[in-house]
Amino acid sequence: MKTSVLILCTGNSARSQMFEGLLRAEAGDRLEVESAGVKPSQLRPEAVAVLQELGIDIQHQRSKHVDEFRGRSFDIVLTVCDQARQECPVFPGATRVIHHSFPDPAAVQGSEEERLRAFRQVRDQIRSYLPEFLRLALDAKPPATDSQRSQE
């Protein structure tokens, strides 16, 4: 059975979408990957563009509300922004919650090139974190306790 992962962010428009695309590309069929937001908006074209630069197509992904996944059990819930961490709903079952915050590239104002630069920086930060996350996701340890979650 594949390890199931839910990536949560505020808008499910940039960070969580890029993480989903990068993780799917890296993990292949080893993980079942979904993403959602606590206040979903629209998939950002900059996120699509900077992953397309790597040959990863996320244009058919869509922004989803976390409520779409209520009642579903995930092995890992990864929050990639502080707001999602605070508002993360409880997922029953053997869920391990991991938090790793990334800056919000959607908050950057300016020219198209300035916005793309911000998205590339966050994309590259996610890529740098992926090996560590994959070790955690593919590790067969039991779910973390509350005290272990506070240390992650």
Protein backbone atom coordinates (compact mmCIF):
# COMPACT_ATOMS: atom_id res chain seq x y z
CA MET A 1 0.00 0.00 0.00
CA LYS A 2 1.33 3.43 -0.95
CA THR A 3 2.05 6.07 1.65
CA SER A 4 -0.55 8.82 1.29
CA VAL A 5 0.47 12.47 1.62
CA LEU A 6 -1.67 15.60 1.87
CA ILE A 7 0.16 18.91 1.39
CA LEU A 8 -1.64 21.86 2.98
CA CYS A 9 -1.19 25.57 2.45
CA THR A 10 -3.39 28.64 2.72
CA GLY A 11 -4.54 29.16 -0.88
CA ASN A 12 -3.40 25.91 -2.56
CA SER A 13 -2.29 28.16 -5.40
CA ALA A 14 1.54 28.16 -5.28
CA ARG A 15 3.63 26.41 -2.58
CA SER A 16 1.48 23.32 -2.08
CA GLN A 17 0.83 23.02 -5.82
CA MET A 18 4.55 23.19 -6.63
CA PHE A 19 5.33 20.72 -3.83
CA GLU A 20 2.67 18.33 -5.16
CA GLY A 21 4.09 18.47 -8.69
CA LEU A 22 7.70 18.09 -7.58
CA LEU A 23 6.88 15.26 -5.17
CA ARG A 24 4.87 13.35 -7.80
CA ALA A 25 7.78 13.71 -10.24
CA GLU A 26 10.38 12.60 -7.68
CA ALA A 27 8.46 9.86 -5.86
CA GLY A 28 6.78 8.33 -8.88
CA ASP A 29 4.38 5.60 -7.83
CA ARG A 30 5.83 5.23 -4.32
CA LEU A 31 3.48 7.86 -2.84
CA GLU A 32 -0.12 8.94 -3.27
CA VAL A 33 0.02 12.76 -3.28
CA GLU A 34 -2.73 15.37 -2.89
CA SER A 35 -2.73 19.06 -2.00
CA ALA A 36 -5.34 21.41 -0.60
CA GLY A 37 -5.80 24.79 1.03
CA VAL A 38 -7.59 26.16 4.05
CA LYS A 39 -8.71 29.14 1.89
CA PRO A 40 -8.24 27.89 -1.69
CA SER A 41 -7.96 30.31 -4.58
CA GLN A 42 -6.63 29.65 -8.10
CA LEU A 43 -3.55 27.84 -9.37
CA ARG A 44 -0.98 30.54 -10.08
CA PRO A 45 0.33 30.67 -13.66
CA GLU A 46 3.80 31.42 -12.27
CA ALA A 47 3.76 28.07 -10.43
CA VAL A 48 2.84 26.32 -13.67
CA ALA A 49 5.59 28.19 -15.56
CA VAL A 50 8.45 27.50 -13.15
CA LEU A 51 7.67 23.79 -12.96
CA GLN A 52 7.32 23.64 -16.74
CA GLU A 53 10.93 24.89 -16.84
CA LEU A 54 11.81 21.54 -15.23
CA GLY A 55 9.57 19.54 -17.55
CA ILE A 56 6.86 19.07 -14.91
CA ASP A 57 3.31 19.84 -16.03
CA ILE A 58 0.90 20.94 -13.30
CA GLN A 59 -1.48 22.95 -15.48
CA HIS A 60 -4.28 20.42 -14.89
CA GLN A 61 -3.97 20.54 -11.11
CA ARG A 62 -6.62 22.62 -9.38
CA SER A 63 -6.93 24.45 -6.11
CA LYS A 64 -8.92 22.36 -3.62
CA HIS A 65 -10.39 23.04 -0.19
CA VAL A 66 -9.17 20.81 2.62
CA ASP A 67 -12.80 19.88 3.29
CA GLU A 68 -12.73 17.77 0.10
CA PHE A 69 -10.53 15.36 2.07
CA ARG A 70 -12.50 15.24 5.35
CA GLY A 71 -13.08 11.68 6.46
CA ARG A 72 -10.11 10.44 4.45
CA SER A 73 -7.08 9.11 6.26
CA PHE A 74 -3.57 10.23 5.26
CA ASP A 75 -0.29 8.78 6.46
CA ILE A 76 1.34 12.23 6.34
CA VAL A 77 -0.10 15.72 6.40
CA LEU A 78 2.55 18.28 5.44
CA THR A 79 1.85 21.94 6.13
CA VAL A 80 3.99 24.29 4.05
CA CYS A 81 2.90 27.59 5.61
CA ASP A 82 2.27 28.76 9.15
CA GLN A 83 -1.42 29.60 8.63
CA ALA A 84 -2.18 26.09 7.39
CA ARG A 85 -0.32 24.69 10.38
CA GLN A 86 -2.52 26.68 12.74
CA GLU A 87 -5.74 25.80 10.93
CA CYS A 88 -4.87 22.20 10.06
CA PRO A 89 -7.89 20.00 10.69
CA VAL A 90 -7.60 16.72 12.53
CA PHE A 91 -7.18 13.73 10.25
CA PRO A 92 -8.09 10.45 11.92
CA GLY A 93 -6.02 7.33 11.65
CA ALA A 94 -2.26 7.02 11.59
CA THR A 95 -1.59 10.57 10.45
CA ARG A 96 1.81 12.09 11.02
CA VAL A 97 1.84 15.89 10.79
CA ILE A 98 5.02 17.55 9.49
CA HIS A 99 5.53 21.29 9.17
CA HIS A 100 8.03 22.97 6.88
CA SER A 101 7.25 26.58 6.04
CA PHE A 102 8.21 28.18 2.74
CA PRO A 103 7.89 31.88 1.82
CA ASP A 104 4.77 32.79 -0.15
CA PRO A 105 5.84 33.67 -3.70
CA ALA A 106 2.28 34.78 -4.50
CA ALA A 107 2.75 37.70 -2.11
CA VAL A 108 5.51 39.19 -4.27
CA GLN A 109 4.48 42.29 -6.21
CA GLY A 110 6.29 43.61 -9.23
CA SER A 111 7.04 42.75 -12.81
CA GLU A 112 6.44 39.32 -14.28
CA GLU A 113 10.18 38.60 -14.07
CA GLU A 114 10.28 39.59 -10.37
CA ARG A 115 7.32 37.32 -9.62
CA LEU A 116 8.86 34.44 -11.59
CA ARG A 117 12.13 34.92 -9.70
CA ALA A 118 10.24 34.58 -6.39
CA PHE A 119 8.47 31.44 -7.60
CA ARG A 120 11.78 29.94 -8.79
CA GLN A 121 13.37 30.60 -5.39
CA VAL A 122 10.56 28.80 -3.56
CA ARG A 123 10.56 25.99 -6.14
CA ASP A 124 14.26 25.51 -5.53
CA GLN A 125 13.79 25.57 -1.74
CA ILE A 126 11.17 22.84 -2.09
CA ARG A 127 13.51 20.82 -4.32
CA SER A 128 16.24 21.14 -1.66
CA TYR A 129 13.86 19.87 1.04
CA LEU A 130 12.48 16.95 -1.04
CA PRO A 131 15.21 14.40 -0.17
CA GLU A 132 14.63 14.96 3.56
CA PHE A 133 10.87 14.77 3.14
CA LEU A 134 11.12 11.58 1.08
CA ARG A 135 13.21 9.97 3.82
CA LEU A 136 10.50 10.87 6.33
CA ALA A 137 7.65 9.79 4.04
CA LEU A 138 9.17 6.47 3.05
CA ASP A 139 10.43 5.62 6.53
CA ALA A 140 8.39 2.83 8.13
CA LYS A 141 8.42 4.34 11.62
CA PRO A 142 5.07 4.60 13.43
CA PRO A 143 3.31 7.99 13.46
CA ALA A 144 4.87 10.73 15.57
CA THR A 145 3.57 11.46 19.03
CA ASP A 146 2.42 14.96 19.97
CA SER A 147 5.80 15.73 21.57
CA GLN A 148 7.63 14.59 18.42
CA ARG A 149 5.33 16.71 16.21
CA SER A 150 6.21 19.85 18.14
CA GLN A 151 9.88 19.27 17.38
CA GLU A 152 9.43 18.97 13.59
